[in-house]
């Protein structure tokens, strides 16, 4: 995932790393942790600058290369995914931001790995695009944007509990364009599904919020934040 398109990811992603870090750090204990699915490392670095001892993990070598280029030696980045990320000792927190768990085929297995990586009292924070957003906002719609001569087209098709996302990029090369394509899959799962999976894993307390707030989730909330704590 994010192999062919990893090099242009930063050009089109929302520039909100500092805002997300400010919001998420309000739920995190001080100490050491991991940013799962860190991508090109923007959030990882922003959390680091806020005094958190965090390292980044991603399954895309292309994205990790960009992360290292941007952050330099100040933050460590390693290859891995939600079900198998490495850790040398138990952690105070784990973060997975910007739809990471929409992409995970087996959340329960990943939750168990995260649970095992945390100290007692450790906190796990992640957000998802809600079932409402995937089914009512994205499915059946096409989005397009052009920046610096590069055109990005994003088409969405739903089949059952899966949203197929077709990305196409046209990049200028001399007087012609190079076409790059990639298809990704996100799983449509409810708030209750994730809450039950976290509880089954053993997390003692699970709270949910409409993203960027501490308000309750509604039927039309598009992004949901989960905050789960391991038993003391």
C-alpha atoms as a PDB file:
ATOM      1  CA  UNK A   1       0.000   0.000   0.000  1.00  0.00           C
ATOM      2  CA  UNK A   2       1.233   3.507  -0.840  1.00  0.00           C
ATOM      3  CA  UNK A   3       4.049   2.144  -2.968  1.00  0.00           C
ATOM      4  CA  UNK A   4       3.551   3.780  -6.357  1.00  0.00           C
ATOM      5  CA  UNK A   5       1.959   6.866  -4.804  1.00  0.00           C
ATOM      6  CA  UNK A   6       4.222   7.258  -1.800  1.00  0.00           C
ATOM      7  CA  UNK A   7       6.416   9.862  -3.458  1.00  0.00           C
ATOM      8  CA  UNK A   8       3.534  12.315  -4.023  1.00  0.00           C
ATOM      9  CA  UNK A   9       1.624  11.588  -0.801  1.00  0.00           C
ATOM     10  CA  UNK A  10       2.786  14.741   0.992  1.00  0.00           C
ATOM     11  CA  UNK A  11       1.772  16.957  -1.904  1.00  0.00           C
ATOM     12  CA  UNK A  12      -1.898  16.055  -1.563  1.00  0.00           C
ATOM     13  CA  UNK A  13      -2.349  15.197   2.114  1.00  0.00           C
ATOM     14  CA  UNK A  14      -3.903  17.731   4.447  1.00  0.00           C
ATOM     15  CA  UNK A  15      -1.278  19.825   6.256  1.00  0.00           C
ATOM     16  CA  UNK A  16      -2.647  19.150   9.747  1.00  0.00           C
ATOM     17  CA  UNK A  17       0.138  17.276  11.559  1.00  0.00           C
ATOM     18  CA  UNK A  18       0.610  19.931  14.250  1.00  0.00           C
ATOM     19  CA  UNK A  19      -3.139  20.194  14.828  1.00  0.00           C
ATOM     20  CA  UNK A  20      -3.526  16.423  15.126  1.00  0.00           C
ATOM     21  CA  UNK A  21      -0.530  16.197  17.469  1.00  0.00           C
ATOM     22  CA  UNK A  22      -1.989  18.901  19.713  1.00  0.00           C
ATOM     23  CA  UNK A  23      -5.321  17.082  19.879  1.00  0.00           C
ATOM     24  CA  UNK A  24      -4.020  13.534  20.310  1.00  0.00           C
ATOM     25  CA  UNK A  25      -1.345  14.413  22.862  1.00  0.00           C
ATOM     26  CA  UNK A  26      -4.129  15.525  25.190  1.00  0.00           C
ATOM     27  CA  UNK A  27      -5.077  11.852  25.574  1.00  0.00           C
ATOM     28  CA  UNK A  28      -1.548  10.442  25.856  1.00  0.00           C
ATOM     29  CA  UNK A  29       0.620   9.908  28.936  1.00  0.00           C
ATOM     30  CA  UNK A  30       4.160  11.218  28.940  1.00  0.00           C
ATOM     31  CA  UNK A  31       6.733   8.635  28.080  1.00  0.00           C
ATOM     32  CA  UNK A  32       7.588   6.432  25.137  1.00  0.00           C
ATOM     33  CA  UNK A  33       5.325   5.159  22.401  1.00  0.00           C
ATOM     34  CA  UNK A  34       4.794   4.172  18.796  1.00  0.00           C
ATOM     35  CA  UNK A  35       3.020   5.827  15.871  1.00  0.00           C
ATOM     36  CA  UNK A  36       1.562   2.898  13.893  1.00  0.00           C
ATOM     37  CA  UNK A  37       1.053   3.503  10.175  1.00  0.00           C
ATOM     38  CA  UNK A  38       3.123   6.676  10.401  1.00  0.00           C
ATOM     39  CA  UNK A  39       3.302   7.246   6.642  1.00  0.00           C
ATOM     40  CA  UNK A  40       5.798   9.987   5.840  1.00  0.00           C
ATOM     41  CA  UNK A  41       6.217  10.749   9.535  1.00  0.00           C
ATOM     42  CA  UNK A  42       4.569  14.142   9.869  1.00  0.00           C
ATOM     43  CA  UNK A  43       2.537  13.259  12.970  1.00  0.00           C
ATOM     44  CA  UNK A  44       5.401  11.259  14.491  1.00  0.00           C
ATOM     45  CA  UNK A  45       7.697  14.259  14.277  1.00  0.00           C
ATOM     46  CA  UNK A  46       5.015  16.633  15.574  1.00  0.00           C
ATOM     47  CA  UNK A  47       4.448  14.393  18.635  1.00  0.00           C
ATOM     48  CA  UNK A  48       8.209  14.212  19.166  1.00  0.00           C
ATOM     49  CA  UNK A  49       8.439  18.017  19.160  1.00  0.00           C
ATOM     50  CA  UNK A  50       5.779  18.052  21.889  1.00  0.00           C
ATOM     51  CA  UNK A  51       8.113  16.087  24.161  1.00  0.00           C
ATOM     52  CA  UNK A  52       6.920  12.538  23.538  1.00  0.00           C
ATOM     53  CA  UNK A  53       9.442   9.745  23.005  1.00  0.00           C
ATOM     54  CA  UNK A  54       7.836   8.319  19.895  1.00  0.00           C
ATOM     55  CA  UNK A  55       9.044   6.232  16.969  1.00  0.00           C
ATOM     56  CA  UNK A  56       7.231   5.586  13.689  1.00  0.00           C
ATOM     57  CA  UNK A  57       6.240   2.298  12.053  1.00  0.00           C
ATOM     58  CA  UNK A  58       4.909   1.791   8.532  1.00  0.00           C
ATOM     59  CA  UNK A  59       4.579  -1.085   6.059  1.00  0.00           C
ATOM     60  CA  UNK A  60       5.606   1.058   3.062  1.00  0.00           C
ATOM     61  CA  UNK A  61       9.343   1.390   2.451  1.00  0.00           C
ATOM     62  CA  UNK A  62       8.659   4.345   0.149  1.00  0.00           C
ATOM     63  CA  UNK A  63       6.785   6.217   2.881  1.00  0.00           C
ATOM     64  CA  UNK A  64       9.460   5.440   5.469  1.00  0.00           C
ATOM     65  CA  UNK A  65      12.181   6.749   3.173  1.00  0.00           C
ATOM     66  CA  UNK A  66      10.306  10.049   2.908  1.00  0.00           C
ATOM     67  CA  UNK A  67       9.817  10.092   6.690  1.00  0.00           C
ATOM     68  CA  UNK A  68      13.558   9.753   7.298  1.00  0.00           C
ATOM     69  CA  UNK A  69      14.334  12.452   4.721  1.00  0.00           C
ATOM     70  CA  UNK A  70      11.954  14.875   6.457  1.00  0.00           C
ATOM     71  CA  UNK A  71      12.775  14.194  10.114  1.00  0.00           C
ATOM     72  CA  UNK A  72      16.473  13.425   9.828  1.00  0.00           C
ATOM     73  CA  UNK A  73      18.038  11.591  12.766  1.00  0.00           C
ATOM     74  CA  UNK A  74      15.760  13.079  15.419  1.00  0.00           C
ATOM     75  CA  UNK A  75      13.060  10.368  15.109  1.00  0.00           C
ATOM     76  CA  UNK A  76      13.455   6.625  14.524  1.00  0.00           C
ATOM     77  CA  UNK A  77      11.380   4.935  11.812  1.00  0.00           C
ATOM     78  CA  UNK A  78      11.107   1.174  11.309  1.00  0.00           C
ATOM     79  CA  UNK A  79       9.372  -1.182   8.902  1.00  0.00           C
ATOM     80  CA  UNK A  80       6.337  -2.997  10.313  1.00  0.00           C
ATOM     81  CA  UNK A  81       2.556  -3.062  10.549  1.00  0.00           C
ATOM     82  CA  UNK A  82      -0.214  -3.023  13.159  1.00  0.00           C
ATOM     83  CA  UNK A  83      -0.019  -6.776  13.744  1.00  0.00           C
ATOM     84  CA  UNK A  84       3.745  -7.105  13.982  1.00  0.00           C
ATOM     85  CA  UNK A  85       5.462  -3.790  14.758  1.00  0.00           C
ATOM     86  CA  UNK A  86       8.690  -4.230  16.742  1.00  0.00           C
ATOM     87  CA  UNK A  87       9.262  -2.920  20.264  1.00  0.00           C
ATOM     88  CA  UNK A  88      12.297  -3.376  22.493  1.00  0.00           C
ATOM     89  CA  UNK A  89      10.345  -2.910  25.739  1.00  0.00           C
ATOM     90  CA  UNK A  90       6.769  -2.202  26.759  1.00  0.00           C
ATOM     91  CA  UNK A  91       5.443   1.236  25.857  1.00  0.00           C
ATOM     92  CA  UNK A  92       3.426   3.976  27.538  1.00  0.00           C
ATOM     93  CA  UNK A  93       1.234   4.622  24.497  1.00  0.00           C
ATOM     94  CA  UNK A  94       0.415   3.661  20.942  1.00  0.00           C
ATOM     95  CA  UNK A  95      -1.114   5.914  18.279  1.00  0.00           C
ATOM     96  CA  UNK A  96      -2.629   4.952  14.921  1.00  0.00           C
ATOM     97  CA  UNK A  97      -3.941   7.969  13.050  1.00  0.00           C
ATOM     98  CA  UNK A  98      -5.701   8.783   9.816  1.00  0.00           C
ATOM     99  CA  UNK A  99      -7.620   5.594   8.925  1.00  0.00           C
ATOM    100  CA  UNK A 100      -4.937   3.020   9.782  1.00  0.00           C
ATOM    101  CA  UNK A 101      -7.514   0.623  11.222  1.00  0.00           C
ATOM    102  CA  UNK A 102      -9.875   1.075   8.296  1.00  0.00           C
ATOM    103  CA  UNK A 103      -7.224  -0.782   6.307  1.00  0.00           C
ATOM    104  CA  UNK A 104      -6.507  -3.593   8.789  1.00  0.00           C
ATOM    105  CA  UNK A 105      -8.085  -6.896   7.771  1.00  0.00           C
ATOM    106  CA  UNK A 106      -7.950  -8.408  11.270  1.00  0.00           C
ATOM    107  CA  UNK A 107      -8.323  -5.678  13.900  1.00  0.00           C
ATOM    108  CA  UNK A 108      -8.549  -8.162  16.769  1.00  0.00           C
ATOM    109  CA  UNK A 109      -5.119  -9.627  15.988  1.00  0.00           C
ATOM    110  CA  UNK A 110      -3.668  -6.126  15.728  1.00  0.00           C
ATOM    111  CA  UNK A 111      -5.324  -5.029  18.984  1.00  0.00           C
ATOM    112  CA  UNK A 112      -3.779  -8.024  20.759  1.00  0.00           C
ATOM    113  CA  UNK A 113      -0.344  -7.047  19.475  1.00  0.00           C
ATOM    114  CA  UNK A 114      -0.830  -3.450  20.631  1.00  0.00           C
ATOM    115  CA  UNK A 115      -2.112  -4.658  24.016  1.00  0.00           C
ATOM    116  CA  UNK A 116       0.989  -6.796  24.478  1.00  0.00           C
ATOM    117  CA  UNK A 117       3.241  -3.857  23.596  1.00  0.00           C
ATOM    118  CA  UNK A 118       1.757  -1.579  26.288  1.00  0.00           C
ATOM    119  CA  UNK A 119       2.653  -1.255  29.945  1.00  0.00           C
ATOM    120  CA  UNK A 120      -0.068  -1.605  32.551  1.00  0.00           C
ATOM    121  CA  UNK A 121      -2.058   1.623  32.374  1.00  0.00           C
ATOM    122  CA  UNK A 122      -0.785   2.281  28.848  1.00  0.00           C
ATOM    123  CA  UNK A 123      -3.028   4.125  26.396  1.00  0.00           C
ATOM    124  CA  UNK A 124      -3.968   3.217  22.832  1.00  0.00           C
ATOM    125  CA  UNK A 125      -5.408   6.000  20.667  1.00  0.00           C
ATOM    126  CA  UNK A 126      -6.603   5.616  17.085  1.00  0.00           C
ATOM    127  CA  UNK A 127      -9.164   7.108  14.716  1.00  0.00           C
ATOM    128  CA  UNK A 128     -11.238   5.715  11.868  1.00  0.00           C
ATOM    129  CA  UNK A 129     -13.396   7.007   9.071  1.00  0.00           C
ATOM    130  CA  UNK A 130     -16.891   6.077  10.225  1.00  0.00           C
ATOM    131  CA  UNK A 131     -19.260   3.721   8.442  1.00  0.00           C
ATOM    132  CA  UNK A 132     -21.383   6.796   7.662  1.00  0.00           C
ATOM    133  CA  UNK A 133     -18.454   8.515   5.919  1.00  0.00           C
ATOM    134  CA  UNK A 134     -17.402   5.462   3.916  1.00  0.00           C
ATOM    135  CA  UNK A 135     -20.934   4.562   2.820  1.00  0.00           C
ATOM    136  CA  UNK A 136     -22.620   7.957   2.467  1.00  0.00           C
ATOM    137  CA  UNK A 137     -19.822  10.433   1.737  1.00  0.00           C
ATOM    138  CA  UNK A 138     -17.166   8.490  -0.188  1.00  0.00           C
ATOM    139  CA  UNK A 139     -18.847   5.477  -1.824  1.00  0.00           C
ATOM    140  CA  UNK A 140     -19.863   6.155  -5.424  1.00  0.00           C
ATOM    141  CA  UNK A 141     -18.070   9.496  -5.557  1.00  0.00           C
ATOM    142  CA  UNK A 142     -14.987  10.748  -7.388  1.00  0.00           C
ATOM    143  CA  UNK A 143     -12.621  13.484  -6.207  1.00  0.00           C
ATOM    144  CA  UNK A 144      -9.863  15.240  -8.134  1.00  0.00           C
ATOM    145  CA  UNK A 145      -7.171  17.821  -7.443  1.00  0.00           C
ATOM    146  CA  UNK A 146      -4.214  19.324  -9.289  1.00  0.00           C
ATOM    147  CA  UNK A 147      -1.063  20.683  -7.630  1.00  0.00           C
ATOM    148  CA  UNK A 148       2.285  21.628  -9.155  1.00  0.00           C
ATOM    149  CA  UNK A 149       1.160  20.195 -12.482  1.00  0.00           C
ATOM    150  CA  UNK A 150       0.299  16.801 -10.970  1.00  0.00           C
ATOM    151  CA  UNK A 151      -3.338  15.649 -11.193  1.00  0.00           C
ATOM    152  CA  UNK A 152      -4.738  13.260  -8.607  1.00  0.00           C
ATOM    153  CA  UNK A 153      -8.029  11.364  -9.134  1.00  0.00           C
ATOM    154  CA  UNK A 154      -9.670   9.368  -6.345  1.00  0.00           C
ATOM    155  CA  UNK A 155     -12.618   7.071  -7.146  1.00  0.00           C
ATOM    156  CA  UNK A 156     -14.587   5.076  -4.557  1.00  0.00           C
ATOM    157  CA  UNK A 157     -16.654   1.925  -5.034  1.00  0.00           C
ATOM    158  CA  UNK A 158     -18.388  -0.041  -2.292  1.00  0.00           C
ATOM    159  CA  UNK A 159     -18.949  -3.803  -2.349  1.00  0.00           C
ATOM    160  CA  UNK A 160     -20.473  -5.176   0.847  1.00  0.00           C
ATOM    161  CA  UNK A 161     -18.297  -4.183   3.789  1.00  0.00           C
ATOM    162  CA  UNK A 162     -15.399  -3.056   1.584  1.00  0.00           C
ATOM    163  CA  UNK A 163     -14.684   0.319   0.011  1.00  0.00           C
ATOM    164  CA  UNK A 164     -12.394   0.031  -3.012  1.00  0.00           C
ATOM    165  CA  UNK A 165     -10.363   3.183  -3.530  1.00  0.00           C
ATOM    166  CA  UNK A 166      -8.822   3.673  -6.979  1.00  0.00           C
ATOM    167  CA  UNK A 167      -6.070   6.285  -7.095  1.00  0.00           C
ATOM    168  CA  UNK A 168      -4.780   7.597 -10.420  1.00  0.00           C
ATOM    169  CA  UNK A 169      -2.018  10.185 -10.754  1.00  0.00           C
ATOM    170  CA  UNK A 170      -0.889  11.972 -13.911  1.00  0.00           C
ATOM    171  CA  UNK A 171       2.617  13.408 -13.475  1.00  0.00           C
ATOM    172  CA  UNK A 172       4.297  15.610 -16.102  1.00  0.00           C
ATOM    173  CA  UNK A 173       7.441  14.300 -17.741  1.00  0.00           C
ATOM    174  CA  UNK A 174       8.661  16.601 -20.460  1.00  0.00           C
ATOM    175  CA  UNK A 175       5.789  17.157 -22.874  1.00  0.00           C
ATOM    176  CA  UNK A 176       3.960  13.988 -21.811  1.00  0.00           C
ATOM    177  CA  UNK A 177       2.398  12.603 -18.631  1.00  0.00           C
ATOM    178  CA  UNK A 178       3.153   9.457 -16.675  1.00  0.00           C
ATOM    179  CA  UNK A 179       0.081   7.618 -15.354  1.00  0.00           C
ATOM    180  CA  UNK A 180       0.379   5.868 -11.979  1.00  0.00           C
ATOM    181  CA  UNK A 181      -2.450   3.795 -10.483  1.00  0.00           C
ATOM    182  CA  UNK A 182      -3.063   2.041  -7.199  1.00  0.00           C
ATOM    183  CA  UNK A 183      -6.089   0.389  -5.584  1.00  0.00           C
ATOM    184  CA  UNK A 184      -6.627   0.229  -1.824  1.00  0.00           C
ATOM    185  CA  UNK A 185      -9.347  -1.342   0.314  1.00  0.00           C
ATOM    186  CA  UNK A 186     -10.921   0.053   3.470  1.00  0.00           C
ATOM    187  CA  UNK A 187     -13.292  -2.010   5.613  1.00  0.00           C
ATOM    188  CA  UNK A 188     -16.674  -0.621   6.650  1.00  0.00           C
ATOM    189  CA  UNK A 189     -17.006  -1.315  10.383  1.00  0.00           C
ATOM    190  CA  UNK A 190     -19.141   0.285  13.073  1.00  0.00           C
ATOM    191  CA  UNK A 191     -18.158   2.078  16.235  1.00  0.00           C
ATOM    192  CA  UNK A 192     -19.651  -0.819  18.220  1.00  0.00           C
ATOM    193  CA  UNK A 193     -17.520  -3.339  16.305  1.00  0.00           C
ATOM    194  CA  UNK A 194     -14.275  -1.642  17.338  1.00  0.00           C
ATOM    195  CA  UNK A 195     -15.410  -1.066  20.925  1.00  0.00           C
ATOM    196  CA  UNK A 196     -16.300  -4.746  21.366  1.00  0.00           C
ATOM    197  CA  UNK A 197     -13.010  -5.870  19.792  1.00  0.00           C
ATOM    198  CA  UNK A 198     -11.027  -3.627  22.167  1.00  0.00           C
ATOM    199  CA  UNK A 199     -12.943  -4.926  25.172  1.00  0.00           C
ATOM    200  CA  UNK A 200     -12.458  -8.524  24.027  1.00  0.00           C
ATOM    201  CA  UNK A 201      -8.735  -7.845  23.797  1.00  0.00           C
ATOM    202  CA  UNK A 202      -8.723  -6.795  27.448  1.00  0.00           C
ATOM    203  CA  UNK A 203      -8.690  -3.002  27.384  1.00  0.00           C
ATOM    204  CA  UNK A 204     -10.348  -1.941  30.634  1.00  0.00           C
ATOM    205  CA  UNK A 205     -11.708   1.413  29.496  1.00  0.00           C
ATOM    206  CA  UNK A 206     -12.771   2.428  25.998  1.00  0.00           C
ATOM    207  CA  UNK A 207     -13.968   5.949  25.195  1.00  0.00           C
ATOM    208  CA  UNK A 208     -15.043   7.416  21.854  1.00  0.00           C
ATOM    209  CA  UNK A 209     -15.246  10.990  20.609  1.00  0.00           C
ATOM    210  CA  UNK A 210     -16.109  12.896  17.477  1.00  0.00           C
ATOM    211  CA  UNK A 211     -12.642  13.760  16.159  1.00  0.00           C
ATOM    212  CA  UNK A 212     -11.048  17.063  17.209  1.00  0.00           C
ATOM    213  CA  UNK A 213     -13.550  17.295  20.075  1.00  0.00           C
ATOM    214  CA  UNK A 214     -14.550  15.557  23.288  1.00  0.00           C
ATOM    215  CA  UNK A 215     -18.159  15.428  22.128  1.00  0.00           C
ATOM    216  CA  UNK A 216     -20.205  12.272  21.706  1.00  0.00           C
ATOM    217  CA  UNK A 217     -20.271  10.502  18.357  1.00  0.00           C
ATOM    218  CA  UNK A 218     -23.450  11.055  16.327  1.00  0.00           C
ATOM    219  CA  UNK A 219     -24.963   9.194  13.369  1.00  0.00           C
ATOM    220  CA  UNK A 220     -23.288  11.644  10.975  1.00  0.00           C
ATOM    221  CA  UNK A 221     -19.873  11.839  12.631  1.00  0.00           C
ATOM    222  CA  UNK A 222     -17.320  11.250   9.881  1.00  0.00           C
ATOM    223  CA  UNK A 223     -14.236  10.544  11.993  1.00  0.00           C
ATOM    224  CA  UNK A 224     -14.253   8.739  15.334  1.00  0.00           C
ATOM    225  CA  UNK A 225     -11.488   8.747  17.942  1.00  0.00           C
ATOM    226  CA  UNK A 226     -11.018   5.708  20.200  1.00  0.00           C
ATOM    227  CA  UNK A 227      -9.124   5.989  23.484  1.00  0.00           C
ATOM    228  CA  UNK A 228      -8.459   2.637  25.172  1.00  0.00           C
ATOM    229  CA  UNK A 229      -6.500   2.006  28.381  1.00  0.00           C
ATOM    230  CA  UNK A 230      -4.828  -1.177  29.544  1.00  0.00           C
ATOM    231  CA  UNK A 231      -5.650  -2.223  33.119  1.00  0.00           C
ATOM    232  CA  UNK A 232      -3.374  -0.829  35.825  1.00  0.00           C
END
